[in-house]
């Protein structure tokens, strides 16, 4: 059983890389940035290269993600906003207000493109233009 930490990411990626070549993924999205860092290590330990052999994406945009080798592409959830919304919902519950049944809230979550991802190459050997993105940093990486 693997956990959502560096070791869990290493184990999960090692299992994917043990698949026959024709069944291996070309990209992996980790549960969080720590797992993605473990996945990066597993790729290197299998003598493969990120992003040439496999792209890796994390979630959280932790400070270490920008300093990994290669720098990790990651989703940057607005943590402060999510926390504020959760507290507002909790306050409404404590005050006895009914919450909408089976609802959800969609929140924009920027993709921070760094060096751990590469465009998909089609059968003709050309990169897909719709997936090519310009590397970017968020205005507020700690949000």
N, C-alpha and C. Protein backbone atom coordinates (compact mmCIF):
# COMPACT_ATOMS: atom_id res chain seq x y z
N UNK A 1 0.85 -1.17 0.00
CA UNK A 1 0.00 0.00 0.00
C UNK A 1 0.90 1.24 0.00
N UNK A 2 0.62 2.18 -0.87
CA UNK A 2 1.42 3.40 -0.90
C UNK A 2 0.62 4.56 -0.31
N UNK A 3 1.35 5.52 0.21
CA UNK A 3 0.75 6.68 0.86
C UNK A 3 1.03 7.92 0.03
N UNK A 4 0.28 9.01 0.26
CA UNK A 4 0.47 10.23 -0.54
C UNK A 4 1.68 11.05 -0.08
N UNK A 5 2.85 10.41 -0.12
CA UNK A 5 4.08 11.09 0.24
C UNK A 5 5.16 10.73 -0.79
N UNK A 6 6.38 11.14 -0.56
CA UNK A 6 7.46 10.91 -1.52
C UNK A 6 7.64 9.41 -1.79
N UNK A 7 7.67 8.60 -0.74
CA UNK A 7 7.85 7.16 -0.92
C UNK A 7 6.69 6.54 -1.70
N UNK A 8 5.48 6.99 -1.42
CA UNK A 8 4.32 6.49 -2.16
C UNK A 8 4.41 6.83 -3.63
N UNK A 9 4.87 8.04 -3.95
CA UNK A 9 5.06 8.43 -5.35
C UNK A 9 6.11 7.59 -6.03
N UNK A 10 7.19 7.30 -5.30
CA UNK A 10 8.26 6.45 -5.85
C UNK A 10 7.71 5.06 -6.16
N UNK A 11 6.97 4.48 -5.20
CA UNK A 11 6.42 3.14 -5.39
C UNK A 11 5.42 3.09 -6.54
N UNK A 12 4.53 4.08 -6.59
CA UNK A 12 3.51 4.10 -7.64
C UNK A 12 4.14 4.24 -9.02
N UNK A 13 5.11 5.15 -9.16
CA UNK A 13 5.76 5.32 -10.47
C UNK A 13 6.58 4.09 -10.82
N UNK A 14 7.25 3.49 -9.86
CA UNK A 14 8.01 2.26 -10.13
C UNK A 14 7.10 1.17 -10.67
N UNK A 15 5.90 1.07 -10.11
CA UNK A 15 4.94 0.07 -10.60
C UNK A 15 4.52 0.38 -12.04
N UNK A 16 4.31 1.66 -12.36
CA UNK A 16 3.96 2.02 -13.74
C UNK A 16 5.10 1.73 -14.70
N UNK A 17 6.32 2.01 -14.27
CA UNK A 17 7.48 1.80 -15.14
C UNK A 17 7.83 0.33 -15.30
N UNK A 18 7.27 -0.53 -14.44
CA UNK A 18 7.48 -1.97 -14.57
C UNK A 18 6.56 -2.59 -15.62
N UNK A 19 5.59 -1.82 -16.08
CA UNK A 19 4.68 -2.31 -17.12
C UNK A 19 5.45 -2.51 -18.43
N UNK A 20 4.97 -3.38 -19.31
CA UNK A 20 5.59 -3.51 -20.63
C UNK A 20 5.59 -2.14 -21.33
N UNK A 21 6.59 -1.88 -22.11
CA UNK A 21 6.77 -0.59 -22.75
C UNK A 21 5.50 -0.10 -23.46
N UNK A 22 4.80 -0.99 -24.15
CA UNK A 22 3.62 -0.58 -24.90
C UNK A 22 2.45 -0.21 -23.99
N UNK A 23 2.51 -0.57 -22.71
CA UNK A 23 1.45 -0.25 -21.76
C UNK A 23 1.80 0.89 -20.81
N UNK A 24 3.01 1.40 -20.90
CA UNK A 24 3.42 2.48 -20.00
C UNK A 24 2.75 3.78 -20.38
N UNK A 25 2.41 4.58 -19.38
CA UNK A 25 1.84 5.89 -19.69
C UNK A 25 2.91 6.85 -20.20
N UNK A 26 2.48 7.88 -20.90
CA UNK A 26 3.41 8.92 -21.35
C UNK A 26 3.41 10.09 -20.38
N UNK A 27 2.45 10.08 -19.43
CA UNK A 27 2.36 11.13 -18.42
C UNK A 27 1.67 10.59 -17.19
N UNK A 28 1.96 11.22 -16.05
CA UNK A 28 1.32 10.84 -14.79
C UNK A 28 1.02 12.10 -13.99
N UNK A 29 -0.17 12.13 -13.40
CA UNK A 29 -0.55 13.22 -12.50
C UNK A 29 -0.59 12.61 -11.10
N UNK A 30 0.23 13.15 -10.22
CA UNK A 30 0.31 12.64 -8.86
C UNK A 30 -0.76 13.27 -7.97
N UNK A 31 -1.08 12.61 -6.90
CA UNK A 31 -2.06 13.08 -5.92
C UNK A 31 -1.65 14.42 -5.32
N UNK A 32 -0.35 14.63 -5.15
CA UNK A 32 0.16 15.90 -4.64
C UNK A 32 1.62 16.07 -5.10
N UNK A 33 2.21 17.21 -4.81
CA UNK A 33 3.58 17.47 -5.25
C UNK A 33 4.59 16.53 -4.60
N UNK A 34 4.37 16.15 -3.35
CA UNK A 34 5.32 15.24 -2.70
C UNK A 34 5.37 13.90 -3.43
N UNK A 35 4.21 13.39 -3.81
CA UNK A 35 4.20 12.13 -4.57
C UNK A 35 4.88 12.33 -5.93
N UNK A 36 4.66 13.49 -6.54
CA UNK A 36 5.29 13.76 -7.83
C UNK A 36 6.82 13.80 -7.70
N UNK A 37 7.32 14.33 -6.58
CA UNK A 37 8.78 14.34 -6.36
C UNK A 37 9.31 12.91 -6.25
N UNK A 38 8.57 12.05 -5.58
CA UNK A 38 8.95 10.63 -5.52
C UNK A 38 8.90 9.99 -6.89
N UNK A 39 7.90 10.37 -7.70
CA UNK A 39 7.79 9.84 -9.06
C UNK A 39 8.99 10.27 -9.90
N UNK A 40 9.42 11.52 -9.76
CA UNK A 40 10.60 12.00 -10.49
C UNK A 40 11.82 11.14 -10.14
N UNK A 41 11.97 10.84 -8.86
CA UNK A 41 13.10 10.01 -8.42
C UNK A 41 13.01 8.60 -9.02
N UNK A 42 11.81 8.05 -9.05
CA UNK A 42 11.64 6.70 -9.63
C UNK A 42 12.00 6.69 -11.10
N UNK A 43 11.61 7.71 -11.83
CA UNK A 43 11.94 7.78 -13.26
C UNK A 43 13.46 7.77 -13.44
N UNK A 44 14.15 8.60 -12.66
CA UNK A 44 15.62 8.64 -12.75
C UNK A 44 16.23 7.30 -12.38
N UNK A 45 15.69 6.64 -11.35
CA UNK A 45 16.25 5.36 -10.91
C UNK A 45 16.05 4.26 -11.94
N UNK A 46 15.10 4.44 -12.84
CA UNK A 46 14.88 3.49 -13.95
C UNK A 46 15.63 3.93 -15.21
N UNK A 47 16.55 4.86 -15.05
CA UNK A 47 17.40 5.36 -16.14
C UNK A 47 16.58 5.96 -17.29
N UNK A 48 15.49 6.62 -16.91
CA UNK A 48 14.66 7.32 -17.88
C UNK A 48 14.74 8.81 -17.58
N UNK A 49 14.15 9.62 -18.46
CA UNK A 49 14.25 11.06 -18.32
C UNK A 49 12.87 11.72 -18.37
N UNK A 50 12.71 12.72 -17.49
CA UNK A 50 11.51 13.56 -17.46
C UNK A 50 11.88 14.86 -18.15
N UNK A 51 11.16 15.35 -19.12
CA UNK A 51 9.90 14.85 -19.66
C UNK A 51 10.06 14.03 -20.94
N UNK A 52 11.27 13.75 -21.35
CA UNK A 52 11.48 13.05 -22.64
C UNK A 52 10.79 11.70 -22.68
N UNK A 53 10.87 10.92 -21.58
CA UNK A 53 10.27 9.59 -21.56
C UNK A 53 8.88 9.58 -20.92
N UNK A 54 8.66 10.44 -19.96
CA UNK A 54 7.36 10.53 -19.28
C UNK A 54 7.24 11.91 -18.64
N UNK A 55 6.07 12.51 -18.77
CA UNK A 55 5.79 13.79 -18.12
C UNK A 55 5.21 13.53 -16.74
N UNK A 56 5.50 14.43 -15.80
CA UNK A 56 5.00 14.29 -14.43
C UNK A 56 4.41 15.62 -13.98
N UNK A 57 3.20 15.54 -13.39
CA UNK A 57 2.51 16.73 -12.88
C UNK A 57 2.13 16.46 -11.43
N UNK A 58 2.29 17.48 -10.60
CA UNK A 58 1.87 17.40 -9.21
C UNK A 58 0.68 18.30 -8.96
N UNK A 59 0.25 18.33 -7.70
CA UNK A 59 -0.85 19.20 -7.29
C UNK A 59 -0.48 19.80 -5.94
N UNK A 60 -0.50 21.09 -5.82
CA UNK A 60 -0.30 21.86 -4.58
C UNK A 60 0.59 23.07 -4.78
N UNK A 61 1.52 23.02 -5.70
CA UNK A 61 2.48 24.10 -5.93
C UNK A 61 3.26 24.43 -4.65
N UNK A 62 3.81 23.39 -4.01
CA UNK A 62 4.65 23.64 -2.85
C UNK A 62 5.95 24.30 -3.31
N UNK A 63 6.62 25.01 -2.42
CA UNK A 63 7.83 25.75 -2.78
C UNK A 63 8.89 24.84 -3.40
N UNK A 64 9.01 23.63 -2.91
CA UNK A 64 10.02 22.69 -3.40
C UNK A 64 9.80 22.32 -4.87
N UNK A 65 8.58 22.42 -5.36
CA UNK A 65 8.26 22.01 -6.73
C UNK A 65 9.06 22.80 -7.76
N UNK A 66 9.26 24.07 -7.52
CA UNK A 66 10.00 24.91 -8.46
C UNK A 66 11.50 24.59 -8.45
N UNK A 67 11.96 23.90 -7.42
CA UNK A 67 13.39 23.63 -7.27
C UNK A 67 13.75 22.16 -7.46
N UNK A 68 12.79 21.34 -7.88
CA UNK A 68 13.09 19.94 -8.13
C UNK A 68 13.86 19.83 -9.44
N UNK A 69 14.30 18.63 -9.76
CA UNK A 69 15.05 18.41 -10.99
C UNK A 69 14.36 17.35 -11.82
N UNK A 70 13.70 17.75 -12.91
CA UNK A 70 13.46 19.11 -13.39
C UNK A 70 12.39 19.80 -12.56
N UNK A 71 12.29 21.14 -12.67
CA UNK A 71 11.22 21.84 -11.96
C UNK A 71 9.86 21.25 -12.34
N UNK A 72 9.03 21.04 -11.32
CA UNK A 72 7.78 20.29 -11.46
C UNK A 72 6.62 21.15 -11.95
N UNK A 73 5.97 20.69 -13.02
CA UNK A 73 4.70 21.28 -13.45
C UNK A 73 3.67 20.87 -12.40
N UNK A 74 2.82 21.82 -12.00
CA UNK A 74 1.89 21.54 -10.91
C UNK A 74 0.61 22.36 -11.05
N UNK A 75 -0.44 21.84 -10.46
CA UNK A 75 -1.68 22.60 -10.31
C UNK A 75 -1.57 23.39 -9.02
N UNK A 76 -2.00 24.65 -9.05
CA UNK A 76 -1.87 25.53 -7.89
C UNK A 76 -3.23 25.91 -7.33
N UNK A 77 -3.79 25.06 -6.46
CA UNK A 77 -5.11 25.38 -5.92
C UNK A 77 -5.05 26.62 -5.04
N UNK A 78 -6.08 27.45 -5.07
CA UNK A 78 -6.11 28.67 -4.23
C UNK A 78 -6.44 28.29 -2.78
N UNK A 79 -5.44 27.85 -2.03
CA UNK A 79 -5.64 27.29 -0.69
C UNK A 79 -6.32 28.28 0.26
N UNK A 80 -5.91 29.52 0.23
CA UNK A 80 -6.51 30.51 1.13
C UNK A 80 -8.00 30.66 0.82
N UNK A 81 -8.34 30.74 -0.44
CA UNK A 81 -9.75 30.87 -0.84
C UNK A 81 -10.56 29.65 -0.44
N UNK A 82 -10.00 28.46 -0.62
CA UNK A 82 -10.69 27.23 -0.25
C UNK A 82 -10.93 27.21 1.26
N UNK A 83 -9.92 27.60 2.04
CA UNK A 83 -10.06 27.65 3.49
C UNK A 83 -11.12 28.64 3.92
N UNK A 84 -11.14 29.82 3.28
CA UNK A 84 -12.14 30.83 3.61
C UNK A 84 -13.55 30.32 3.30
N UNK A 85 -13.71 29.68 2.17
CA UNK A 85 -15.03 29.14 1.79
C UNK A 85 -15.46 28.04 2.76
N UNK A 86 -14.53 27.20 3.19
CA UNK A 86 -14.85 26.13 4.14
C UNK A 86 -15.29 26.72 5.47
N UNK A 87 -14.61 27.76 5.92
CA UNK A 87 -14.99 28.40 7.19
C UNK A 87 -16.37 29.05 7.08
N UNK A 88 -16.67 29.67 5.95
CA UNK A 88 -17.98 30.28 5.76
C UNK A 88 -19.07 29.20 5.80
N UNK A 89 -18.80 28.07 5.17
CA UNK A 89 -19.77 26.98 5.16
C UNK A 89 -19.95 26.42 6.57
N UNK A 90 -18.86 26.26 7.30
CA UNK A 90 -18.92 25.76 8.67
C UNK A 90 -19.73 26.72 9.55
N UNK A 91 -19.50 28.02 9.40
CA UNK A 91 -20.23 29.01 10.18
C UNK A 91 -21.73 28.90 9.89
N UNK A 92 -22.08 28.75 8.61
CA UNK A 92 -23.51 28.61 8.26
C UNK A 92 -24.11 27.35 8.91
N UNK A 93 -23.33 26.27 8.93
CA UNK A 93 -23.81 25.03 9.54
C UNK A 93 -24.03 25.23 11.05
N UNK A 94 -23.06 25.88 11.72
CA UNK A 94 -23.17 26.12 13.17
C UNK A 94 -24.37 27.00 13.48
N UNK A 95 -24.64 27.96 12.61
CA UNK A 95 -25.78 28.87 12.81
C UNK A 95 -27.11 28.22 12.46
N UNK A 96 -27.08 26.97 12.00
CA UNK A 96 -28.31 26.24 11.73
C UNK A 96 -28.87 26.43 10.33
N UNK A 97 -28.13 27.06 9.45
CA UNK A 97 -28.60 27.24 8.07
C UNK A 97 -28.41 25.95 7.29
N UNK A 98 -29.38 25.64 6.49
CA UNK A 98 -29.31 24.43 5.67
C UNK A 98 -28.29 24.63 4.55
N UNK A 99 -27.57 23.58 4.26
CA UNK A 99 -26.63 23.61 3.14
C UNK A 99 -27.27 22.92 1.94
N UNK A 100 -26.95 23.36 0.75
CA UNK A 100 -27.51 22.70 -0.43
C UNK A 100 -27.10 21.22 -0.45
N UNK A 101 -28.05 20.36 -0.73
CA UNK A 101 -27.77 18.93 -0.79
C UNK A 101 -26.94 18.55 -2.01
N UNK A 102 -25.96 17.71 -1.80
CA UNK A 102 -25.12 17.17 -2.86
C UNK A 102 -24.64 18.24 -3.84
N UNK A 103 -24.14 19.33 -3.32
CA UNK A 103 -23.63 20.38 -4.20
C UNK A 103 -22.11 20.39 -4.17
N UNK A 104 -21.54 21.10 -5.07
CA UNK A 104 -20.10 21.27 -5.10
C UNK A 104 -19.81 22.66 -5.62
N UNK A 105 -18.59 23.10 -5.38
CA UNK A 105 -18.15 24.41 -5.83
C UNK A 105 -16.95 24.23 -6.74
N UNK A 106 -17.02 24.78 -7.93
CA UNK A 106 -15.89 24.72 -8.84
C UNK A 106 -15.02 25.95 -8.61
N UNK A 107 -13.73 25.73 -8.50
CA UNK A 107 -12.77 26.81 -8.27
C UNK A 107 -11.68 26.68 -9.31
N UNK A 108 -11.32 27.81 -9.93
CA UNK A 108 -10.24 27.81 -10.90
C UNK A 108 -8.94 27.41 -10.21
N UNK A 109 -8.19 26.55 -10.87
CA UNK A 109 -6.94 26.03 -10.32
C UNK A 109 -5.87 26.13 -11.41
N UNK A 110 -5.04 27.18 -11.37
CA UNK A 110 -4.07 27.39 -12.45
C UNK A 110 -3.06 26.25 -12.59
N UNK A 111 -2.71 25.97 -13.82
CA UNK A 111 -1.64 25.02 -14.13
C UNK A 111 -0.35 25.81 -14.26
N UNK A 112 0.64 25.47 -13.45
CA UNK A 112 1.94 26.13 -13.49
C UNK A 112 2.87 25.23 -14.30
N UNK A 113 3.10 25.59 -15.55
CA UNK A 113 3.90 24.77 -16.45
C UNK A 113 5.38 25.05 -16.21
N UNK A 114 6.09 23.99 -15.84
CA UNK A 114 7.53 24.10 -15.65
C UNK A 114 8.19 23.10 -16.60
N UNK A 115 9.21 22.42 -16.18
CA UNK A 115 10.00 21.60 -17.10
C UNK A 115 9.75 20.10 -17.01
N UNK A 116 8.78 19.66 -16.21
CA UNK A 116 8.54 18.22 -16.07
C UNK A 116 7.50 17.69 -17.04
N UNK A 117 7.04 18.53 -17.96
CA UNK A 117 6.06 18.10 -18.96
C UNK A 117 6.53 18.48 -20.35
N UNK A 118 6.09 17.69 -21.30
CA UNK A 118 6.40 17.94 -22.71
C UNK A 118 5.12 17.78 -23.51
N UNK A 119 5.03 18.44 -24.65
CA UNK A 119 3.84 18.27 -25.50
C UNK A 119 3.70 16.83 -25.96
N UNK A 120 2.47 16.42 -26.19
CA UNK A 120 2.20 15.10 -26.76
C UNK A 120 2.66 15.13 -28.21
N UNK A 121 3.31 14.07 -28.63
CA UNK A 121 3.76 13.96 -30.02
C UNK A 121 2.78 13.04 -30.74
N UNK A 122 2.24 13.51 -31.88
CA UNK A 122 1.28 12.69 -32.61
C UNK A 122 2.00 11.65 -33.46
N UNK A 123 1.23 10.85 -34.17
CA UNK A 123 1.79 9.76 -34.97
C UNK A 123 2.76 10.24 -36.04
N UNK A 124 2.63 11.51 -36.47
CA UNK A 124 3.52 12.06 -37.48
C UNK A 124 4.78 12.66 -36.87
N UNK A 125 4.92 12.53 -35.54
CA UNK A 125 6.11 13.05 -34.88
C UNK A 125 6.06 14.54 -34.59
N UNK A 126 4.87 15.14 -34.68
CA UNK A 126 4.73 16.57 -34.42
C UNK A 126 4.07 16.80 -33.07
N UNK A 127 4.51 17.84 -32.37
CA UNK A 127 3.90 18.19 -31.10
C UNK A 127 2.51 18.76 -31.34
N UNK A 128 1.59 18.42 -30.46
CA UNK A 128 0.23 18.95 -30.55
C UNK A 128 0.24 20.40 -30.10
N UNK A 129 -0.18 21.31 -30.99
CA UNK A 129 -0.14 22.73 -30.66
C UNK A 129 -1.15 23.10 -29.57
N UNK A 130 -2.22 22.35 -29.43
CA UNK A 130 -3.22 22.69 -28.43
C UNK A 130 -2.72 22.41 -27.02
N UNK A 131 -1.69 21.59 -26.86
CA UNK A 131 -1.19 21.28 -25.53
C UNK A 131 0.10 22.02 -25.21
N UNK A 132 0.68 22.69 -26.18
CA UNK A 132 1.90 23.43 -25.92
C UNK A 132 1.55 24.66 -25.09
N UNK A 133 2.22 24.81 -23.97
CA UNK A 133 1.93 25.94 -23.08
C UNK A 133 3.21 26.67 -22.75
N UNK A 134 3.08 27.92 -22.45
CA UNK A 134 4.20 28.74 -22.05
C UNK A 134 4.42 28.60 -20.56
N UNK A 135 5.67 28.34 -20.11
CA UNK A 135 5.91 28.25 -18.68
C UNK A 135 5.45 29.53 -18.00
N UNK A 136 4.88 29.37 -16.81
CA UNK A 136 4.38 30.52 -16.08
C UNK A 136 4.50 30.30 -14.60
N UNK A 137 4.50 31.35 -13.83
CA UNK A 137 4.46 31.33 -12.39
C UNK A 137 3.22 32.07 -11.95
N UNK A 138 2.55 31.64 -10.89
CA UNK A 138 1.37 32.35 -10.43
C UNK A 138 1.75 33.66 -9.78
N UNK A 139 0.78 34.58 -9.74
CA UNK A 139 1.01 35.85 -9.07
C UNK A 139 1.24 35.65 -7.59
N UNK A 140 0.54 34.66 -7.00
CA UNK A 140 0.65 34.43 -5.57
C UNK A 140 0.75 32.92 -5.34
N UNK A 141 1.96 32.39 -5.29
CA UNK A 141 2.17 30.95 -5.17
C UNK A 141 1.75 30.41 -3.80
N UNK A 142 1.53 31.27 -2.81
CA UNK A 142 1.16 30.79 -1.49
C UNK A 142 -0.33 30.87 -1.23
N UNK A 143 -1.12 31.27 -2.22
CA UNK A 143 -2.57 31.42 -2.05
C UNK A 143 -3.23 30.12 -1.68
